[in-house]
Amino acid sequence: SGSISSPYSMGWYRQAPGKQRELVATI
């Protein structure tokens, strides 16, 4: 929500305890 006037991508990342954040999926 909020002001989003330009094209944008959305995605999901995940992070398990003690691990680095990783990409799951983007669109």
Full PDB file with SEQRES, HELIX, SHEET, SSBOND, CRYST1, ORIGX, SCALE, CONECT and MASTER records, all heavy atoms in Angstrom:
SEQRES   1 A   27  SER GLY SER ILE SER SER PRO TYR SER MET GLY TRP TYR          
SEQRES   2 A   27  ARG GLN ALA PRO GLY LYS GLN ARG GLU LEU VAL ALA THR          
SEQRES   3 A   27  ILE                                                          
SHEET    1 AA1 2 GLY A  11  ARG A  14  0                                        
SHEET    2 AA1 2 GLU A  22  THR A  26 -1                                        
CRYST1    1.000    1.000    1.000  90.00  90.00  90.00 P 1           1          
ORIGX1      1.000000  0.000000  0.000000        0.00000                         
ORIGX2      0.000000  1.000000  0.000000        0.00000                         
ORIGX3      0.000000  0.000000  1.000000        0.00000                         
SCALE1      1.000000  0.000000  0.000000        0.00000                         
SCALE2      0.000000  1.000000  0.000000        0.00000                         
SCALE3      0.000000  0.000000  1.000000        0.00000                         
ATOM      1  N   SER A   1       0.837  -1.189   0.000  1.00  0.00           N  
ATOM      2  CA  SER A   1       0.000   0.000   0.000  1.00  0.00           C  
ATOM      3  C   SER A   1       0.873   1.240   0.000  1.00  0.00           C  
ATOM      4  O   SER A   1       2.063   1.185   0.291  1.00  0.00           O  
ATOM      5  CB  SER A   1      -0.947   0.007   1.199  1.00  0.00           C  
ATOM      6  OG  SER A   1      -0.223   0.026   2.419  1.00  0.00           O  
ATOM      7  N   GLY A   2       0.260   2.338  -0.318  1.00  0.00           N  
ATOM      8  CA  GLY A   2       0.988   3.577  -0.422  1.00  0.00           C  
ATOM      9  C   GLY A   2       1.121   4.005  -1.866  1.00  0.00           C  
ATOM     10  O   GLY A   2       0.406   3.519  -2.743  1.00  0.00           O  
ATOM     11  N   SER A   3       2.044   4.875  -2.100  1.00  0.00           N  
ATOM     12  CA  SER A   3       2.235   5.427  -3.427  1.00  0.00           C  
ATOM     13  C   SER A   3       3.178   4.545  -4.241  1.00  0.00           C  
ATOM     14  O   SER A   3       4.372   4.466  -3.957  1.00  0.00           O  
ATOM     15  CB  SER A   3       2.788   6.846  -3.338  1.00  0.00           C  
ATOM     16  OG  SER A   3       2.966   7.405  -4.618  1.00  0.00           O  
ATOM     17  N   ILE A   4       2.617   3.886  -5.230  1.00  0.00           N  
ATOM     18  CA  ILE A   4       3.405   3.064  -6.148  1.00  0.00           C  
ATOM     19  C   ILE A   4       3.003   3.465  -7.563  1.00  0.00           C  
ATOM     20  O   ILE A   4       2.056   2.914  -8.130  1.00  0.00           O  
ATOM     21  CB  ILE A   4       3.182   1.563  -5.930  1.00  0.00           C  
ATOM     22  CG1 ILE A   4       3.328   1.189  -4.465  1.00  0.00           C  
ATOM     23  CG2 ILE A   4       4.162   0.765  -6.785  1.00  0.00           C  
ATOM     24  CD1 ILE A   4       3.050  -0.263  -4.175  1.00  0.00           C  
ATOM     25  N   SER A   5       3.706   4.387  -8.123  1.00  0.00           N  
ATOM     26  CA  SER A   5       3.333   4.937  -9.417  1.00  0.00           C  
ATOM     27  C   SER A   5       4.154   4.393 -10.577  1.00  0.00           C  
ATOM     28  O   SER A   5       3.769   4.551 -11.733  1.00  0.00           O  
ATOM     29  CB  SER A   5       3.444   6.462  -9.396  1.00  0.00           C  
ATOM     30  OG  SER A   5       4.760   6.877  -9.096  1.00  0.00           O  
ATOM     31  N   SER A   6       5.270   3.765 -10.292  1.00  0.00           N  
ATOM     32  CA  SER A   6       6.125   3.226 -11.334  1.00  0.00           C  
ATOM     33  C   SER A   6       6.011   1.715 -11.383  1.00  0.00           C  
ATOM     34  O   SER A   6       5.564   1.095 -10.415  1.00  0.00           O  
ATOM     35  CB  SER A   6       7.575   3.651 -11.106  1.00  0.00           C  
ATOM     36  OG  SER A   6       8.045   3.184  -9.857  1.00  0.00           O  
ATOM     37  N   PRO A   7       6.401   1.114 -12.483  1.00  0.00           N  
ATOM     38  CA  PRO A   7       6.380  -0.356 -12.539  1.00  0.00           C  
ATOM     39  C   PRO A   7       7.208  -0.961 -11.412  1.00  0.00           C  
ATOM     40  O   PRO A   7       8.263  -0.429 -11.047  1.00  0.00           O  
ATOM     41  CB  PRO A   7       6.998  -0.659 -13.907  1.00  0.00           C  
ATOM     42  CG  PRO A   7       6.717   0.557 -14.724  1.00  0.00           C  
ATOM     43  CD  PRO A   7       6.839   1.698 -13.753  1.00  0.00           C  
ATOM     44  N   TYR A   8       6.740  -2.051 -10.882  1.00  0.00           N  
ATOM     45  CA  TYR A   8       7.438  -2.668  -9.773  1.00  0.00           C  
ATOM     46  C   TYR A   8       7.322  -4.178  -9.830  1.00  0.00           C  
ATOM     47  O   TYR A   8       6.353  -4.724 -10.354  1.00  0.00           O  
ATOM     48  CB  TYR A   8       6.893  -2.154  -8.436  1.00  0.00           C  
ATOM     49  CG  TYR A   8       5.417  -2.426  -8.216  1.00  0.00           C  
ATOM     50  CD1 TYR A   8       4.996  -3.557  -7.530  1.00  0.00           C  
ATOM     51  CD2 TYR A   8       4.449  -1.542  -8.685  1.00  0.00           C  
ATOM     52  CE1 TYR A   8       3.647  -3.808  -7.328  1.00  0.00           C  
ATOM     53  CE2 TYR A   8       3.099  -1.785  -8.488  1.00  0.00           C  
ATOM     54  CZ  TYR A   8       2.705  -2.918  -7.811  1.00  0.00           C  
ATOM     55  OH  TYR A   8       1.359  -3.157  -7.608  1.00  0.00           O  
ATOM     56  N   SER A   9       8.312  -4.813  -9.293  1.00  0.00           N  
ATOM     57  CA  SER A   9       8.290  -6.248  -9.140  1.00  0.00           C  
ATOM     58  C   SER A   9       7.946  -6.590  -7.700  1.00  0.00           C  
ATOM     59  O   SER A   9       8.115  -5.778  -6.788  1.00  0.00           O  
ATOM     60  CB  SER A   9       9.639  -6.864  -9.518  1.00  0.00           C  
ATOM     61  OG  SER A   9      10.660  -6.424  -8.640  1.00  0.00           O  
ATOM     62  N   MET A  10       7.467  -7.795  -7.508  1.00  0.00           N  
ATOM     63  CA  MET A  10       7.165  -8.273  -6.174  1.00  0.00           C  
ATOM     64  C   MET A  10       7.759  -9.662  -6.033  1.00  0.00           C  
ATOM     65  O   MET A  10       7.890 -10.397  -7.009  1.00  0.00           O  
ATOM     66  CB  MET A  10       5.657  -8.307  -5.916  1.00  0.00           C  
ATOM     67  CG  MET A  10       4.964  -6.970  -6.134  1.00  0.00           C  
ATOM     68  SD  MET A  10       3.201  -6.978  -5.686  1.00  0.00           S  
ATOM     69  CE  MET A  10       3.327  -6.874  -3.889  1.00  0.00           C  
ATOM     70  N   GLY A  11       8.112  -9.993  -4.824  1.00  0.00           N  
ATOM     71  CA  GLY A  11       8.720 -11.292  -4.642  1.00  0.00           C  
ATOM     72  C   GLY A  11       8.734 -11.743  -3.207  1.00  0.00           C  
ATOM     73  O   GLY A  11       8.323 -11.020  -2.296  1.00  0.00           O  
ATOM     74  N   TRP A  12       9.193 -12.960  -3.051  1.00  0.00           N  
ATOM     75  CA  TRP A  12       9.296 -13.576  -1.744  1.00  0.00           C  
ATOM     76  C   TRP A  12      10.716 -14.039  -1.495  1.00  0.00           C  
ATOM     77  O   TRP A  12      11.353 -14.644  -2.373  1.00  0.00           O  
ATOM     78  CB  TRP A  12       8.348 -14.776  -1.626  1.00  0.00           C  
ATOM     79  CG  TRP A  12       6.905 -14.400  -1.650  1.00  0.00           C  
ATOM     80  CD1 TRP A  12       6.080 -14.354  -2.732  1.00  0.00           C  
ATOM     81  CD2 TRP A  12       6.117 -14.011  -0.522  1.00  0.00           C  
ATOM     82  NE1 TRP A  12       4.819 -13.966  -2.353  1.00  0.00           N  
ATOM     83  CE2 TRP A  12       4.814 -13.747  -1.007  1.00  0.00           C  
ATOM     84  CE3 TRP A  12       6.378 -13.863   0.834  1.00  0.00           C  
ATOM     85  CZ2 TRP A  12       3.776 -13.340  -0.163  1.00  0.00           C  
ATOM     86  CZ3 TRP A  12       5.350 -13.452   1.669  1.00  0.00           C  
ATOM     87  CH2 TRP A  12       4.073 -13.202   1.172  1.00  0.00           C  
ATOM     88  N   TYR A  13      11.190 -13.747  -0.323  1.00  0.00           N  
ATOM     89  CA  TYR A  13      12.473 -14.215   0.160  1.00  0.00           C  
ATOM     90  C   TYR A  13      12.245 -14.905   1.491  1.00  0.00           C  
ATOM     91  O   TYR A  13      11.229 -14.681   2.148  1.00  0.00           O  
ATOM     92  CB  TYR A  13      13.457 -13.052   0.324  1.00  0.00           C  
ATOM     93  CG  TYR A  13      13.835 -12.378  -0.977  1.00  0.00           C  
ATOM     94  CD1 TYR A  13      12.933 -11.555  -1.640  1.00  0.00           C  
ATOM     95  CD2 TYR A  13      15.099 -12.567  -1.531  1.00  0.00           C  
ATOM     96  CE1 TYR A  13      13.275 -10.936  -2.833  1.00  0.00           C  
ATOM     97  CE2 TYR A  13      15.454 -11.949  -2.718  1.00  0.00           C  
ATOM     98  CZ  TYR A  13      14.538 -11.139  -3.361  1.00  0.00           C  
ATOM     99  OH  TYR A  13      14.898 -10.525  -4.548  1.00  0.00           O  
ATOM    100  N   ARG A  14      13.180 -15.735   1.883  1.00  0.00           N  
ATOM    101  CA  ARG A  14      13.034 -16.411   3.164  1.00  0.00           C  
ATOM    102  C   ARG A  14      14.375 -16.509   3.865  1.00  0.00           C  
ATOM    103  O   ARG A  14      15.434 -16.501   3.236  1.00  0.00           O  
ATOM    104  CB  ARG A  14      12.422 -17.800   2.985  1.00  0.00           C  
ATOM    105  CG  ARG A  14      13.303 -18.793   2.238  1.00  0.00           C  
ATOM    106  CD  ARG A  14      12.541 -20.079   1.981  1.00  0.00           C  
ATOM    107  NE  ARG A  14      13.357 -21.078   1.308  1.00  0.00           N  
ATOM    108  CZ  ARG A  14      12.901 -22.235   0.857  1.00  0.00           C  
ATOM    109  NH1 ARG A  14      11.612 -22.551   0.996  1.00  0.00           N  
ATOM    110  NH2 ARG A  14      13.722 -23.091   0.261  1.00  0.00           N  
ATOM    111  N   GLN A  15      14.298 -16.615   5.163  1.00  0.00           N  
ATOM    112  CA  GLN A  15      15.499 -16.725   5.971  1.00  0.00           C  
ATOM    113  C   GLN A  15      15.246 -17.662   7.138  1.00  0.00           C  
ATOM    114  O   GLN A  15      14.350 -17.431   7.949  1.00  0.00           O  
ATOM    115  CB  GLN A  15      15.944 -15.357   6.483  1.00  0.00           C  
ATOM    116  CG  GLN A  15      17.274 -15.381   7.207  1.00  0.00           C  
ATOM    117  CD  GLN A  15      17.825 -13.992   7.444  1.00  0.00           C  
ATOM    118  OE1 GLN A  15      17.078 -13.012   7.481  1.00  0.00           O  
ATOM    119  NE2 GLN A  15      19.127 -13.898   7.587  1.00  0.00           N  
ATOM    120  N   ALA A  16      16.026 -18.705   7.194  1.00  0.00           N  
ATOM    121  CA  ALA A  16      15.976 -19.635   8.309  1.00  0.00           C  
ATOM    122  C   ALA A  16      16.987 -19.201   9.358  1.00  0.00           C  
ATOM    123  O   ALA A  16      17.970 -18.526   9.043  1.00  0.00           O  
ATOM    124  CB  ALA A  16      16.279 -21.054   7.832  1.00  0.00           C  
ATOM    125  N   PRO A  17      16.763 -19.578  10.612  1.00  0.00           N  
ATOM    126  CA  PRO A  17      17.710 -19.195  11.671  1.00  0.00           C  
ATOM    127  C   PRO A  17      19.133 -19.627  11.343  1.00  0.00           C  
ATOM    128  O   PRO A  17      19.373 -20.770  10.958  1.00  0.00           O  
ATOM    129  CB  PRO A  17      17.175 -19.930  12.894  1.00  0.00           C  
ATOM    130  CG  PRO A  17      15.714 -20.094  12.626  1.00  0.00           C  
ATOM    131  CD  PRO A  17      15.624 -20.344  11.146  1.00  0.00           C  
ATOM    132  N   GLY A  18      20.048 -18.705  11.477  1.00  0.00           N  
ATOM    133  CA  GLY A  18      21.443 -19.002  11.230  1.00  0.00           C  
ATOM    134  C   GLY A  18      21.840 -19.086   9.779  1.00  0.00           C  
ATOM    135  O   GLY A  18      22.994 -19.411   9.477  1.00  0.00           O  
ATOM    136  N   LYS A  19      20.921 -18.808   8.885  1.00  0.00           N  
ATOM    137  CA  LYS A  19      21.204 -18.882   7.458  1.00  0.00           C  
ATOM    138  C   LYS A  19      20.966 -17.530   6.799  1.00  0.00           C  
ATOM    139  O   LYS A  19      20.259 -16.677   7.328  1.00  0.00           O  
ATOM    140  CB  LYS A  19      20.346 -19.946   6.783  1.00  0.00           C  
ATOM    141  CG  LYS A  19      20.560 -21.357   7.296  1.00  0.00           C  
ATOM    142  CD  LYS A  19      19.770 -22.369   6.500  1.00  0.00           C  
ATOM    143  CE  LYS A  19      20.265 -22.451   5.068  1.00  0.00           C  
ATOM    144  NZ  LYS A  19      19.538 -23.496   4.281  1.00  0.00           N  
ATOM    145  N   GLN A  20      21.558 -17.368   5.651  1.00  0.00           N  
ATOM    146  CA  GLN A  20      21.371 -16.136   4.909  1.00  0.00           C  
ATOM    147  C   GLN A  20      20.011 -16.113   4.232  1.00  0.00           C  
ATOM    148  O   GLN A  20      19.419 -17.161   3.941  1.00  0.00           O  
ATOM    149  CB  GLN A  20      22.474 -15.966   3.870  1.00  0.00           C  
ATOM    150  CG  GLN A  20      22.504 -17.037   2.799  1.00  0.00           C  
ATOM    151  CD  GLN A  20      23.634 -16.857   1.813  1.00  0.00           C  
ATOM    152  OE1 GLN A  20      24.113 -15.749   1.603  1.00  0.00           O  
ATOM    153  NE2 GLN A  20      24.065 -17.941   1.193  1.00  0.00           N  
ATOM    154  N   ARG A  21      19.541 -14.925   3.984  1.00  0.00           N  
ATOM    155  CA  ARG A  21      18.287 -14.779   3.276  1.00  0.00           C  
ATOM    156  C   ARG A  21      18.447 -15.219   1.830  1.00  0.00           C  
ATOM    157  O   ARG A  21      19.459 -14.928   1.191  1.00  0.00           O  
ATOM    158  CB  ARG A  21      17.825 -13.321   3.334  1.00  0.00           C  
ATOM    159  CG  ARG A  21      16.456 -13.080   2.735  1.00  0.00           C  
ATOM    160  CD  ARG A  21      16.043 -11.626   2.911  1.00  0.00           C  
ATOM    161  NE  ARG A  21      16.935 -10.732   2.193  1.00  0.00           N  
ATOM    162  CZ  ARG A  21      16.878  -9.408   2.263  1.00  0.00           C  
ATOM    163  NH1 ARG A  21      15.970  -8.823   3.038  1.00  0.00           N  
ATOM    164  NH2 ARG A  21      17.722  -8.663   1.574  1.00  0.00           N  
ATOM    165  N   GLU A  22      17.456 -15.904   1.314  1.00  0.00           N  
ATOM    166  CA  GLU A  22      17.522 -16.389  -0.046  1.00  0.00           C  
ATOM    167  C   GLU A  22      16.252 -16.056  -0.808  1.00  0.00           C  
ATOM    168  O   GLU A  22      15.163 -15.952  -0.236  1.00  0.00           O  
ATOM    169  CB  GLU A  22      17.749 -17.902  -0.076  1.00  0.00           C  
ATOM    170  CG  GLU A  22      16.616 -18.718   0.524  1.00  0.00           C  
ATOM    171  CD  GLU A  22      16.837 -20.214   0.406  1.00  0.00           C  
ATOM    172  OE1 GLU A  22      17.830 -20.618  -0.228  1.00  0.00           O  
ATOM    173  OE2 GLU A  22      16.015 -20.981   0.952  1.00  0.00           O  
ATOM    174  N   LEU A  23      16.411 -15.920  -2.086  1.00  0.00           N  
ATOM    175  CA  LEU A  23      15.276 -15.666  -2.955  1.00  0.00           C  
ATOM    176  C   LEU A  23      14.432 -16.923  -3.080  1.00  0.00           C  
ATOM    177  O   LEU A  23      14.961 -18.026  -3.222  1.00  0.00           O  
ATOM    178  CB  LEU A  23      15.758 -15.214  -4.334  1.00  0.00           C  
ATOM    179  CG  LEU A  23      14.692 -14.911  -5.394  1.00  0.00           C  
ATOM    180  CD1 LEU A  23      15.180 -13.797  -6.307  1.00  0.00           C  
ATOM    181  CD2 LEU A  23      14.384 -16.153  -6.225  1.00  0.00           C  
ATOM    182  N   VAL A  24      13.134 -16.745  -3.037  1.00  0.00           N  
ATOM    183  CA  VAL A  24      12.200 -17.837  -3.269  1.00  0.00           C  
ATOM    184  C   VAL A  24      11.581 -17.704  -4.652  1.00  0.00           C  
ATOM    185  O   VAL A  24      11.643 -18.622  -5.470  1.00  0.00           O  
ATOM    186  CB  VAL A  24      11.102 -17.875  -2.198  1.00  0.00           C  
ATOM    187  CG1 VAL A  24      10.101 -18.985  -2.501  1.00  0.00           C  
ATOM    188  CG2 VAL A  24      11.704 -18.065  -0.811  1.00  0.00           C  
ATOM    189  N   ALA A  25      10.979 -16.565  -4.910  1.00  0.00           N  
ATOM    190  CA  ALA A  25      10.348 -16.327  -6.198  1.00  0.00           C  
ATOM    191  C   ALA A  25      10.105 -14.845  -6.378  1.00  0.00           C  
ATOM    192  O   ALA A  25       9.869 -14.123  -5.413  1.00  0.00           O  
ATOM    193  CB  ALA A  25       9.026 -17.089  -6.314  1.00  0.00           C  
ATOM    194  N   THR A  26      10.175 -14.402  -7.607  1.00  0.00           N  
ATOM    195  CA  THR A  26       9.854 -13.024  -7.933  1.00  0.00           C  
ATOM    196  C   THR A  26       8.959 -12.995  -9.158  1.00  0.00           C  
ATOM    197  O   THR A  26       8.982 -13.905  -9.992  1.00  0.00           O  
ATOM    198  CB  THR A  26      11.104 -12.175  -8.208  1.00  0.00           C  
ATOM    199  OG1 THR A  26      11.819 -12.711  -9.326  1.00  0.00           O  
ATOM    200  CG2 THR A  26      12.021 -12.139  -6.994  1.00  0.00           C  
ATOM    201  N   ILE A  27       8.193 -11.941  -9.255  1.00  0.00           N  
ATOM    202  CA  ILE A  27       7.344 -11.732 -10.418  1.00  0.00           C  
ATOM    203  C   ILE A  27       7.434 -10.272 -10.804  1.00  0.00           C  
ATOM    204  O   ILE A  27       7.222  -9.378  -9.992  1.00  0.00           O  
ATOM    205  CB  ILE A  27       5.895 -12.181 -10.142  1.00  0.00           C  
ATOM    206  CG1 ILE A  27       5.029 -11.998 -11.391  1.00  0.00           C  
ATOM    207  CG2 ILE A  27       5.303 -11.452  -8.940  1.00  0.00           C  
ATOM    208  CD1 ILE A  27       3.686 -12.729 -11.290  1.00  0.00           C  
TER     209      ILE A  27                                                      
MASTER        0    0    0    0    2    0    0    6  208    1    0    3          
END                                                                             
